[in-house]
Amino acid sequence: SSLLQCSAGSFSVSKLTPENQKLTGLHEIHMEVVLTGASGSSSLFLWDLRRGIMLKQYRQAPPTKRGCLSLLGEHFLIAASDVKVNDAGKSKTTQNTKTLAWTLENEPAHSHSFIPYNVTAFVGSSCGNYAFAGTQEGQLLVWHTPSGALINILQDQFQEITALALNNSSEFLAVGCADGLIHVLRVPFLLSNMGDYSVGTLPLHALPITSLAFSASSKSRLFSTSLDQTFKIWHTETRSCLCNISFPTSLNCIAINAIEDAAFVGGVDGNIYKVNLWDLPEKDFGILDVRKSGQLPQICTGHKGAISSIDINLDGSLLVSGSDDETVKVWSTSTCQQVSSFSKPNGPITFVKVMLKPISTMLGTSMPKDKTYPLISALANVKSKTKDSITIKLPNTNSTKTKSITHLPNAQPNLPVGSDSFVADQQLQALSQWELQQKVISSEGGTFVSEDASNNQNEKLKQEIEQLKSVNLQWKALNNEMLSSTLKNFEM
């Protein structure tokens, strides 16, 4: 028998002869890969983290900007860019943004579409069903990706959006803006367009937000960096700043290891600073200036350009960084020494992401059939709007006033039901239809009520309850079927 040994990011088999190891292909299987994007490239690259070998080249990619490339679920990759390169190799900014999507298994682009705004930040949900984009004009756009339907658009609430981040469960969305404000939103309310989706605003940064990251262990802890040379830790529920650390340079990006004992921030000066969060003096934990403190942070030095993106591997032993000097470097997180470097000259690096190698890539299988839906096949025209009239009941009076409101034609799409999000999509569809017919909103002390809302409210509530009961019965049937199958196997 063979002994399977597991190390960080790789598997190896011992007690096999070299010939058998070569035949079985089990000498060493590297599981971690690095995905990189660059502003001057027409491709995205997938690298082996340990060996620095290029594994895949995702073609037809537009020049990617920092913060505009994201994974979407387990199987998709999506990029948004408003930069176009002409035949002479010069780039220019256009008025529209092109989005391209790839499956991680295939190098050619899976689908593409256009957005009539300049997108400055983009993020996809972990379930792969929703995508969020921030624009230069301050709009926040939300799509249901399997159908390509625009679910919601927020306008006149933010300045230019410079960073977006979702927590692990995609329950909260953090929106960083050019005015230094961070807005935390509740995603379920944002998707259903019902209730108060705002958790609060975090106001202490003085210059544009450059990166945001939620804690892996707490949905109420948020990390942020800014051009004001500070790194902050927030408690979003109380809207309080837990820690404020100043650095000698503006900061572009952030990475936190899984146990959150160390934070790495990438600077415009080309250095990566490591802060041991558990070693901060208790009296200085609120506000700390590393330039004046007696204990300077560890520094990863070696890049010749500004650090644009960093990420930590799964076990926290390695840090990967991308820079404007067109190189990707791998560092030891414990010693801050460079371990390796790989590059393919194609412009400043704007995105690095460490992830597990797709299983289908190793086994030669295709993507699951329930994930082959057209990804953002036809994005809704976000500038197409329609108007509707509603009645405003003025507070403390018996008078009413008619007001026109603007809503999107695709704000309540007929969402398809996927096998991995059956309950969520059913509830979203029910709530969206209910809200569309009632049009009940609260604003400045007044209540906006449509004429038929009071007559139909009880009926709509009954319909929603019946739909949820139907979903519950289907889940119970599936549960019983699985239980019966388990008992049969046990008896055998």
Protein backbone atom coordinates (compact mmCIF):
# COMPACT_ATOMS: atom_id res chain seq x y z
CA SER A 1 0.00 0.00 0.00
CA SER A 2 1.08 3.57 -0.51
CA LEU A 3 1.25 6.37 2.01
CA LEU A 4 -0.48 9.58 0.93
CA GLN A 5 1.23 12.66 2.31
CA CYS A 6 -0.40 16.08 2.13
CA SER A 7 1.53 19.33 2.19
CA ALA A 8 0.36 22.88 1.70
CA GLY A 9 -1.30 23.03 -1.69
CA SER A 10 0.08 19.73 -3.00
CA PHE A 11 -0.25 15.97 -2.60
CA SER A 12 2.51 13.40 -2.94
CA VAL A 13 2.62 9.61 -2.75
CA SER A 14 5.48 7.75 -1.05
CA LYS A 15 6.33 4.02 -0.79
CA LEU A 16 5.94 3.71 -4.53
CA THR A 17 8.80 3.05 -6.87
CA PRO A 18 9.77 5.93 -9.21
CA GLU A 19 8.52 3.86 -12.15
CA ASN A 20 5.09 3.33 -10.55
CA GLN A 21 4.88 6.99 -9.53
CA LYS A 22 5.58 7.99 -13.11
CA LEU A 23 3.01 5.56 -14.46
CA THR A 24 0.29 6.57 -12.03
CA GLY A 25 0.99 10.29 -12.33
CA LEU A 26 0.77 10.57 -8.54
CA HIS A 27 4.32 11.72 -7.87
CA GLU A 28 3.09 15.22 -7.09
CA ILE A 29 -0.23 16.86 -7.88
CA HIS A 30 -0.16 20.61 -7.34
CA MET A 31 -3.58 21.79 -6.27
CA GLU A 32 -3.18 25.58 -6.01
CA VAL A 33 -3.11 27.90 -9.00
CA VAL A 34 -2.81 31.66 -9.52
CA LEU A 35 -5.05 33.60 -11.88
CA THR A 36 -3.57 36.85 -13.21
CA GLY A 37 -4.84 39.72 -15.33
CA ALA A 38 -3.00 42.72 -16.80
CA SER A 39 -3.97 46.11 -18.18
CA GLY A 40 -2.08 45.67 -21.44
CA SER A 41 -2.96 42.06 -22.23
CA SER A 42 -5.57 40.40 -24.40
CA SER A 43 -5.45 37.25 -22.24
CA LEU A 44 -5.78 36.10 -18.66
CA PHE A 45 -3.31 33.50 -17.38
CA LEU A 46 -3.59 30.56 -14.98
CA TRP A 47 -0.29 29.58 -13.32
CA ASP A 48 0.82 26.71 -11.13
CA LEU A 49 1.60 28.37 -7.79
CA ARG A 50 4.42 26.04 -6.77
CA ARG A 51 6.20 25.59 -10.11
CA GLY A 52 5.43 28.89 -11.85
CA ILE A 53 4.27 27.07 -15.01
CA MET A 54 1.53 28.62 -17.13
CA LEU A 55 -1.40 26.18 -17.32
CA LYS A 56 -4.05 28.10 -19.26
CA GLN A 57 -4.47 31.25 -21.29
CA TYR A 58 -7.98 32.70 -21.35
CA ARG A 59 -8.18 34.53 -24.65
CA GLN A 60 -10.09 37.54 -25.97
CA ALA A 61 -9.76 39.36 -22.65
CA PRO A 62 -10.00 43.16 -22.67
CA PRO A 63 -7.34 45.20 -20.85
CA THR A 64 -8.39 44.74 -17.23
CA LYS A 65 -8.45 47.49 -14.63
CA ARG A 66 -7.82 46.93 -10.95
CA GLY A 67 -11.01 45.76 -9.23
CA CYS A 68 -12.83 44.86 -12.46
CA LEU A 69 -12.06 41.13 -12.62
CA SER A 70 -13.82 38.59 -10.44
CA LEU A 71 -14.65 34.93 -9.99
CA LEU A 72 -18.33 34.10 -10.27
CA GLY A 73 -19.18 30.98 -8.31
CA GLU A 74 -17.00 27.91 -8.78
CA HIS A 75 -17.00 27.70 -12.55
CA PHE A 76 -16.99 31.18 -14.07
CA LEU A 77 -14.64 34.11 -14.45
CA ILE A 78 -15.85 37.54 -15.54
CA ALA A 79 -14.04 40.75 -16.52
CA ALA A 80 -15.34 44.26 -17.20
CA SER A 81 -13.35 46.90 -19.06
CA ASP A 82 -14.02 50.28 -20.65
CA VAL A 83 -10.52 50.40 -22.16
CA LYS A 84 -9.94 49.73 -25.84
CA VAL A 85 -6.57 49.18 -27.51
CA ASN A 86 -6.18 50.33 -31.11
CA ASP A 87 -3.97 48.78 -33.80
CA ALA A 88 -1.05 51.01 -32.79
CA GLY A 89 -1.13 49.54 -29.27
CA LYS A 90 -2.47 52.70 -27.62
CA SER A 91 -5.34 52.42 -25.18
CA LYS A 92 -8.26 54.78 -24.71
CA THR A 93 -11.30 54.89 -22.45
CA THR A 94 -14.67 54.40 -24.12
CA GLN A 95 -18.17 55.33 -22.93
CA ASN A 96 -19.29 51.70 -22.79
CA THR A 97 -17.95 48.79 -20.78
CA LYS A 98 -17.43 45.38 -22.33
CA THR A 99 -17.93 42.32 -20.12
CA LEU A 100 -16.52 38.92 -20.99
CA ALA A 101 -17.09 35.63 -19.20
CA TRP A 102 -15.13 32.39 -19.29
CA THR A 103 -15.62 28.98 -17.79
CA LEU A 104 -12.49 28.00 -15.89
CA GLU A 105 -12.31 24.80 -17.95
CA ASN A 106 -12.22 26.49 -21.38
CA GLU A 107 -9.81 29.07 -22.74
CA PRO A 108 -12.08 30.78 -25.33
CA ALA A 109 -14.56 33.36 -24.03
CA HIS A 110 -17.93 31.91 -23.05
CA SER A 111 -20.05 35.05 -23.63
CA HIS A 112 -19.81 38.82 -23.81
CA SER A 113 -22.04 41.88 -23.56
CA PHE A 114 -21.90 45.66 -23.21
CA ILE A 115 -22.89 48.04 -20.40
CA PRO A 116 -23.57 51.71 -21.25
CA TYR A 117 -21.56 52.97 -18.26
CA ASN A 118 -17.91 53.21 -17.24
CA VAL A 119 -17.55 50.34 -14.76
CA THR A 120 -14.90 50.95 -12.10
CA ALA A 121 -15.52 47.97 -9.77
CA PHE A 122 -16.98 44.51 -10.29
CA VAL A 123 -17.66 41.53 -8.02
CA GLY A 124 -19.53 38.22 -8.38
CA SER A 125 -21.33 36.26 -5.69
CA SER A 126 -19.99 32.96 -4.36
CA CYS A 127 -23.11 31.11 -5.58
CA GLY A 128 -22.55 32.43 -9.12
CA ASN A 129 -26.10 33.75 -9.51
CA TYR A 130 -25.53 37.48 -8.97
CA ALA A 131 -23.09 40.13 -10.15
CA PHE A 132 -22.54 43.68 -8.86
CA ALA A 133 -20.91 46.56 -10.72
CA GLY A 134 -20.00 50.08 -9.60
CA THR A 135 -19.62 52.90 -12.10
CA GLN A 136 -17.68 56.10 -12.47
CA GLU A 137 -20.95 58.02 -12.26
CA GLY A 138 -21.81 56.42 -8.91
CA GLN A 139 -24.43 53.86 -9.97
CA LEU A 140 -24.58 50.40 -8.42
CA LEU A 141 -25.88 47.77 -10.86
CA VAL A 142 -27.15 44.32 -9.82
CA TRP A 143 -27.76 41.39 -12.22
CA HIS A 144 -29.17 37.91 -12.01
CA THR A 145 -26.46 36.29 -14.12
CA PRO A 146 -28.21 33.12 -15.38
CA SER A 147 -30.95 35.19 -17.00
CA GLY A 148 -28.89 38.33 -17.68
CA ALA A 149 -31.69 40.38 -16.10
CA LEU A 150 -30.97 43.63 -14.32
CA ILE A 151 -32.49 43.26 -10.86
CA ASN A 152 -31.75 46.67 -9.38
CA ILE A 153 -29.90 49.91 -9.96
CA LEU A 154 -29.06 52.48 -7.29
CA GLN A 155 -28.51 56.03 -8.48
CA ASP A 156 -27.72 59.39 -6.86
CA GLN A 157 -26.56 57.69 -3.65
CA PHE A 158 -22.81 57.31 -4.15
CA GLN A 159 -19.91 59.16 -5.67
CA GLU A 160 -17.62 57.24 -8.03
CA ILE A 161 -17.46 53.64 -6.79
CA THR A 162 -13.85 52.51 -6.44
CA ALA A 163 -14.12 49.16 -4.62
CA LEU A 164 -16.68 46.40 -3.97
CA ALA A 165 -16.56 43.40 -1.63
CA LEU A 166 -18.96 40.61 -0.62
CA ASN A 167 -18.70 38.54 2.53
CA ASN A 168 -18.37 34.76 2.25
CA SER A 169 -22.11 34.11 2.34
CA SER A 170 -22.87 37.04 -0.02
CA GLU A 171 -25.16 38.45 2.66
CA PHE A 172 -23.49 41.86 2.84
CA LEU A 173 -21.98 44.10 0.16
CA ALA A 174 -19.43 46.82 0.97
CA VAL A 175 -19.24 49.75 -1.46
CA GLY A 176 -16.15 51.99 -1.34
CA CYS A 177 -16.31 55.40 -2.97
CA ALA A 178 -14.01 58.18 -4.17
CA ASP A 179 -15.15 60.47 -1.35
CA GLY A 180 -13.69 58.07 1.25
CA LEU A 181 -17.07 56.72 2.39
CA ILE A 182 -17.85 53.01 2.74
CA HIS A 183 -21.49 51.96 2.44
CA VAL A 184 -22.53 48.54 3.77
CA LEU A 185 -25.67 47.06 2.16
CA ARG A 186 -27.85 44.03 2.87
CA VAL A 187 -27.81 41.92 -0.29
CA PRO A 188 -31.20 40.13 0.20
CA PHE A 189 -33.00 43.48 0.49
CA LEU A 190 -30.99 44.84 -2.42
CA LEU A 191 -32.01 41.88 -4.60
CA SER A 192 -35.69 41.99 -3.68
CA ASN A 193 -35.82 45.80 -3.77
CA MET A 194 -37.78 45.73 -0.51
CA GLY A 195 -37.10 47.23 2.90
CA ASP A 196 -34.08 49.17 4.08
CA TYR A 197 -31.01 47.63 2.45
CA SER A 198 -28.52 50.01 4.11
CA VAL A 199 -26.64 48.84 7.21
CA GLY A 200 -24.77 52.12 7.55
CA THR A 201 -21.96 54.35 6.32
CA LEU A 202 -18.35 54.24 7.53
CA PRO A 203 -16.97 57.78 7.16
CA LEU A 204 -13.40 58.08 8.51
CA HIS A 205 -11.24 57.73 5.37
CA ALA A 206 -10.13 61.06 3.89
CA LEU A 207 -9.29 59.93 0.33
CA PRO A 208 -10.68 57.35 -2.14
CA ILE A 209 -11.11 53.75 -0.97
CA THR A 210 -8.79 51.39 -2.84
CA SER A 211 -9.73 47.94 -1.49
CA LEU A 212 -12.19 46.21 0.83
CA ALA A 213 -12.27 42.73 2.38
CA PHE A 214 -14.67 41.05 4.77
CA SER A 215 -13.52 38.80 7.58
CA ALA A 216 -13.70 35.09 6.82
CA SER A 217 -14.99 34.37 10.33
CA SER A 218 -17.28 37.31 11.05
CA LYS A 219 -19.77 38.98 8.72
CA SER A 220 -19.62 42.20 10.75
CA ARG A 221 -15.85 42.77 10.49
CA LEU A 222 -14.53 44.68 7.48
CA PHE A 223 -11.03 45.69 6.40
CA SER A 224 -10.28 48.70 4.20
CA THR A 225 -7.36 50.58 2.64
CA SER A 226 -7.25 54.04 1.13
CA LEU A 227 -5.05 56.54 -0.64
CA ASP A 228 -4.94 58.41 2.69
CA GLN A 229 -2.20 55.93 3.75
CA THR A 230 -4.36 54.16 6.35
CA PHE A 231 -5.58 50.62 6.93
CA LYS A 232 -8.71 50.33 9.05
CA ILE A 233 -10.68 47.54 10.70
CA TRP A 234 -14.42 48.15 11.13
CA HIS A 235 -17.33 46.64 13.01
CA THR A 236 -20.11 47.18 10.51
CA GLU A 237 -23.09 46.60 12.81
CA THR A 238 -22.04 49.34 15.23
CA ARG A 239 -20.36 51.37 12.45
CA SER A 240 -17.27 51.80 14.62
CA CYS A 241 -13.58 51.77 13.69
CA LEU A 242 -11.76 49.10 15.71
CA CYS A 243 -8.27 49.84 14.46
CA ASN A 244 -6.57 52.56 12.42
CA ILE A 245 -2.99 51.97 11.21
CA SER A 246 -1.06 54.61 9.23
CA PHE A 247 1.68 53.79 6.73
CA PRO A 248 4.36 55.86 4.96
CA THR A 249 2.69 55.47 1.55
CA SER A 250 -0.71 55.28 -0.10
CA LEU A 251 -2.20 51.77 -0.06
CA ASN A 252 -3.71 49.93 -3.04
CA CYS A 253 -4.70 46.47 -1.81
CA ILE A 254 -5.13 44.23 1.20
CA ALA A 255 -5.00 40.53 2.09
CA ILE A 256 -5.87 38.90 5.42
CA ASN A 257 -4.92 35.34 6.33
CA ALA A 258 -7.57 32.87 7.46
CA ILE A 259 -6.94 33.12 11.21
CA GLU A 260 -6.64 36.92 10.96
CA ASP A 261 -3.46 37.22 12.97
CA ALA A 262 -1.70 39.09 10.15
CA ALA A 263 -2.65 41.69 7.55
CA PHE A 264 -0.72 42.44 4.37
CA VAL A 265 -1.16 45.77 2.57
CA GLY A 266 0.34 46.70 -0.79
CA GLY A 267 1.73 50.19 -1.18
CA VAL A 268 2.24 52.59 -4.06
CA ASP A 269 5.96 52.57 -3.18
CA GLY A 270 6.28 48.92 -4.30
CA ASN A 271 6.48 47.48 -0.78
CA ILE A 272 4.15 45.03 0.95
CA TYR A 273 3.75 45.68 4.68
CA LYS A 274 2.90 42.94 7.16
CA VAL A 275 1.15 43.88 10.40
CA ASN A 276 0.84 41.31 13.20
CA LEU A 277 -2.65 42.10 14.44
CA TRP A 278 -2.34 39.95 17.54
CA ASP A 279 0.84 41.75 18.65
CA LEU A 280 -0.54 45.27 18.62
CA PRO A 281 -0.16 46.96 22.03
CA GLU A 282 -3.53 47.25 23.69
CA LYS A 283 -3.06 50.95 24.42
CA ASP A 284 -2.29 51.65 20.74
CA PHE A 285 -4.87 49.36 19.17
CA GLY A 286 -7.26 52.20 18.38
CA ILE A 287 -4.79 54.40 16.46
CA LEU A 288 -1.28 53.30 15.46
CA ASP A 289 1.25 55.03 13.21
CA VAL A 290 3.91 52.54 12.13
CA ARG A 291 6.23 55.41 11.18
CA LYS A 292 6.37 56.58 14.81
CA SER A 293 6.02 53.27 16.64
CA GLY A 294 9.07 51.50 17.94
CA GLN A 295 8.26 48.24 16.14
CA LEU A 296 8.10 48.60 12.36
CA PRO A 297 6.17 45.99 10.37
CA GLN A 298 7.89 43.36 8.27
CA ILE A 299 8.26 44.47 4.65
CA CYS A 300 8.34 42.44 1.42
CA THR A 301 10.69 44.34 -0.91
CA GLY A 302 11.49 43.48 -4.51
CA HIS A 303 8.86 45.04 -6.77
CA LYS A 304 9.89 48.08 -8.80
CA GLY A 305 6.37 49.41 -9.29
CA ALA A 306 3.23 50.04 -7.25
CA ILE A 307 1.57 46.95 -5.78
CA SER A 308 -1.82 46.53 -7.44
CA SER A 309 -3.15 43.20 -6.10
CA ILE A 310 -2.21 40.62 -3.45
CA ASP A 311 -3.67 37.34 -2.22
CA ILE A 312 -2.79 34.60 0.29
CA ASN A 313 -2.87 30.87 -0.45
CA LEU A 314 -5.19 28.48 1.36
CA ASP A 315 -2.94 27.50 4.27
CA GLY A 316 -1.57 31.03 4.74
CA SER A 317 2.05 30.12 4.05
CA LEU A 318 2.45 32.02 0.77
CA LEU A 319 1.57 35.51 -0.41
CA VAL A 320 1.18 36.31 -4.12
CA SER A 321 1.56 39.88 -5.38
CA GLY A 322 1.09 41.64 -8.71
CA SER A 323 2.67 44.96 -9.55
CA ASP A 324 2.88 47.71 -12.13
CA ASP A 325 6.37 46.36 -12.95
CA GLU A 326 4.58 43.54 -14.89
CA THR A 327 5.73 40.76 -12.55
CA VAL A 328 4.03 38.34 -10.17
CA LYS A 329 6.01 37.37 -7.08
CA VAL A 330 5.46 34.71 -4.41
CA TRP A 331 6.56 35.42 -0.82
CA SER A 332 6.81 33.49 2.42
CA THR A 333 4.29 34.99 4.83
CA SER A 334 6.41 34.11 7.86
CA THR A 335 9.73 35.58 6.71
CA CYS A 336 8.56 38.04 4.00
CA GLN A 337 11.27 36.62 1.72
CA GLN A 338 10.67 36.10 -1.99
CA VAL A 339 10.13 32.46 -2.91
CA SER A 340 9.65 32.69 -6.67
CA SER A 341 8.62 34.99 -9.48
CA PHE A 342 6.94 34.53 -12.85
CA SER A 343 5.78 36.93 -15.52
CA LYS A 344 4.67 37.25 -19.08
CA PRO A 345 5.31 40.85 -20.17
CA ASN A 346 1.90 42.22 -21.09
CA GLY A 347 1.45 45.38 -19.07
CA PRO A 348 0.99 46.19 -15.39
CA ILE A 349 -0.55 43.35 -13.37
CA THR A 350 -4.00 44.36 -12.11
CA PHE A 351 -5.34 41.10 -10.62
CA VAL A 352 -3.99 38.06 -8.77
CA LYS A 353 -6.13 35.35 -7.19
CA VAL A 354 -5.03 32.10 -5.54
CA MET A 355 -7.52 29.25 -5.81
CA LEU A 356 -7.74 25.49 -6.06
CA LYS A 357 -7.15 24.03 -9.48
CA PRO A 358 -10.52 23.23 -11.10
CA ILE A 359 -11.28 19.53 -10.65
CA SER A 360 -12.37 19.24 -14.26
CA THR A 361 -8.96 20.51 -15.34
CA MET A 362 -7.22 17.64 -13.53
CA LEU A 363 -9.70 14.90 -14.41
CA GLY A 364 -10.51 16.01 -17.95
CA THR A 365 -14.24 16.25 -17.22
CA SER A 366 -16.63 18.96 -18.30
CA MET A 367 -18.57 21.47 -16.25
CA PRO A 368 -21.68 20.13 -14.46
CA LYS A 369 -24.76 20.27 -16.69
CA ASP A 370 -26.70 22.41 -14.23
CA LYS A 371 -24.04 25.12 -14.64
CA THR A 372 -24.10 25.43 -18.41
CA TYR A 373 -26.60 28.27 -18.45
CA PRO A 374 -25.75 31.31 -20.62
CA LEU A 375 -23.83 33.65 -18.35
CA ILE A 376 -24.95 37.27 -18.71
CA SER A 377 -26.07 36.40 -22.22
CA ALA A 378 -27.93 39.66 -22.71
CA LEU A 379 -27.50 42.37 -20.12
CA ALA A 380 -30.50 44.63 -19.71
CA ASN A 381 -30.22 48.11 -21.15
CA VAL A 382 -29.66 49.95 -17.89
CA LYS A 383 -30.57 53.30 -19.40
CA SER A 384 -34.05 52.17 -20.46
CA LYS A 385 -36.56 53.27 -17.85
CA THR A 386 -40.32 53.56 -17.60
CA LYS A 387 -42.48 55.75 -15.43
CA ASP A 388 -45.42 54.90 -13.23
CA SER A 389 -47.77 57.03 -11.16
CA ILE A 390 -48.31 56.43 -7.48
CA THR A 391 -50.30 58.17 -4.78
CA ILE A 392 -48.49 59.80 -1.87
CA LYS A 393 -50.36 59.88 1.41
CA LEU A 394 -49.02 62.90 3.25
CA PRO A 395 -48.30 62.32 6.97
CA ASN A 396 -50.74 63.74 9.54
CA THR A 397 -53.12 64.94 6.81
CA ASN A 398 -55.99 63.58 4.77
CA SER A 399 -54.67 64.97 1.48
CA THR A 400 -52.97 62.96 -1.23
CA LYS A 401 -50.56 63.83 -4.01
CA THR A 402 -49.79 62.07 -7.26
CA LYS A 403 -46.10 61.49 -8.05
CA SER A 404 -44.28 59.83 -10.96
CA ILE A 405 -41.58 57.31 -10.12
CA THR A 406 -39.01 55.72 -12.41
CA HIS A 407 -38.31 52.01 -12.40
CA LEU A 408 -36.48 49.58 -14.63
CA PRO A 409 -38.34 47.29 -17.01
CA ASN A 410 -36.27 44.31 -15.84
CA ALA A 411 -36.36 45.12 -12.13
CA GLN A 412 -38.71 42.17 -11.50
CA PRO A 413 -37.44 39.49 -13.88
CA ASN A 414 -38.96 36.06 -14.30
CA LEU A 415 -36.00 34.37 -12.70
CA PRO A 416 -35.16 30.79 -13.68
CA VAL A 417 -34.98 28.29 -10.84
CA GLY A 418 -31.57 26.64 -10.49
CA SER A 419 -30.92 23.44 -8.62
CA ASP A 420 -28.41 25.15 -6.34
CA SER A 421 -30.54 28.12 -5.34
CA PHE A 422 -34.12 26.87 -5.57
CA VAL A 423 -35.41 28.45 -2.38
CA ALA A 424 -33.57 31.76 -2.82
CA ASP A 425 -34.84 32.37 -6.34
CA GLN A 426 -38.41 31.37 -5.45
CA GLN A 427 -38.45 33.80 -2.54
CA LEU A 428 -36.85 36.54 -4.63
CA GLN A 429 -39.42 36.13 -7.38
CA ALA A 430 -42.32 36.14 -4.91
CA LEU A 431 -41.06 39.21 -3.07
CA SER A 432 -40.31 41.09 -6.29
CA GLN A 433 -43.80 40.46 -7.68
CA TRP A 434 -45.38 41.46 -4.39
CA GLU A 435 -43.38 44.68 -4.20
CA LEU A 436 -44.13 45.55 -7.84
CA GLN A 437 -47.88 45.35 -7.27
CA GLN A 438 -47.93 47.07 -3.90
CA LYS A 439 -45.35 49.81 -4.48
CA VAL A 440 -45.15 50.57 -0.80
CA ILE A 441 -42.12 52.64 0.12
CA SER A 442 -41.27 54.82 3.08
CA SER A 443 -39.59 58.15 2.41
CA GLU A 444 -39.09 61.21 4.61
CA GLY A 445 -41.88 60.34 7.00
CA GLY A 446 -44.47 59.80 4.27
CA THR A 447 -45.88 56.56 2.90
CA PHE A 448 -46.02 55.94 -0.84
CA VAL A 449 -49.03 53.69 -1.52
CA SER A 450 -50.44 52.59 -4.85
CA GLU A 451 -54.19 52.76 -5.28
CA ASP A 452 -54.74 48.99 -5.26
CA ALA A 453 -52.20 48.19 -2.52
CA SER A 454 -54.59 48.25 0.42
CA ASN A 455 -57.15 46.07 -1.39
CA ASN A 456 -54.70 43.42 -2.57
CA GLN A 457 -52.23 43.23 0.30
CA ASN A 458 -53.89 40.30 2.09
CA GLU A 459 -54.29 38.39 -1.16
CA LYS A 460 -50.62 38.81 -2.05
CA LEU A 461 -49.55 37.67 1.40
CA LYS A 462 -51.64 34.52 0.97
CA GLN A 463 -50.05 33.85 -2.41
CA GLU A 464 -46.57 34.26 -0.96
CA ILE A 465 -47.37 31.85 1.88
CA GLU A 466 -48.69 29.28 -0.60
CA GLN A 467 -45.54 29.56 -2.72
CA LEU A 468 -43.32 29.07 0.31
CA LYS A 469 -45.43 26.08 1.38
CA SER A 470 -44.96 24.58 -2.07
CA VAL A 471 -41.21 25.01 -1.84
CA ASN A 472 -41.24 23.44 1.61
CA LEU A 473 -43.18 20.40 0.39
CA GLN A 474 -40.72 19.85 -2.47
CA TRP A 475 -37.80 19.97 -0.06
CA LYS A 476 -39.56 17.52 2.28
CA ALA A 477 -40.14 15.11 -0.61
CA LEU A 478 -36.48 15.32 -1.56
CA ASN A 479 -35.50 14.76 2.07
CA ASN A 480 -37.69 11.66 2.35
CA GLU A 481 -36.28 10.28 -0.88
CA MET A 482 -32.71 10.69 0.37
CA LEU A 483 -33.63 9.10 3.70
CA SER A 484 -35.21 6.11 2.00
CA SER A 485 -32.15 5.64 -0.19
CA THR A 486 -29.88 5.78 2.86
CA LEU A 487 -31.95 3.17 4.72
CA LYS A 488 -31.92 0.81 1.73
CA ASN A 489 -28.12 1.06 1.49
CA PHE A 490 -27.86 0.43 5.23
CA GLU A 491 -30.04 -2.70 5.01
CA MET A 492 -27.93 -4.05 2.16
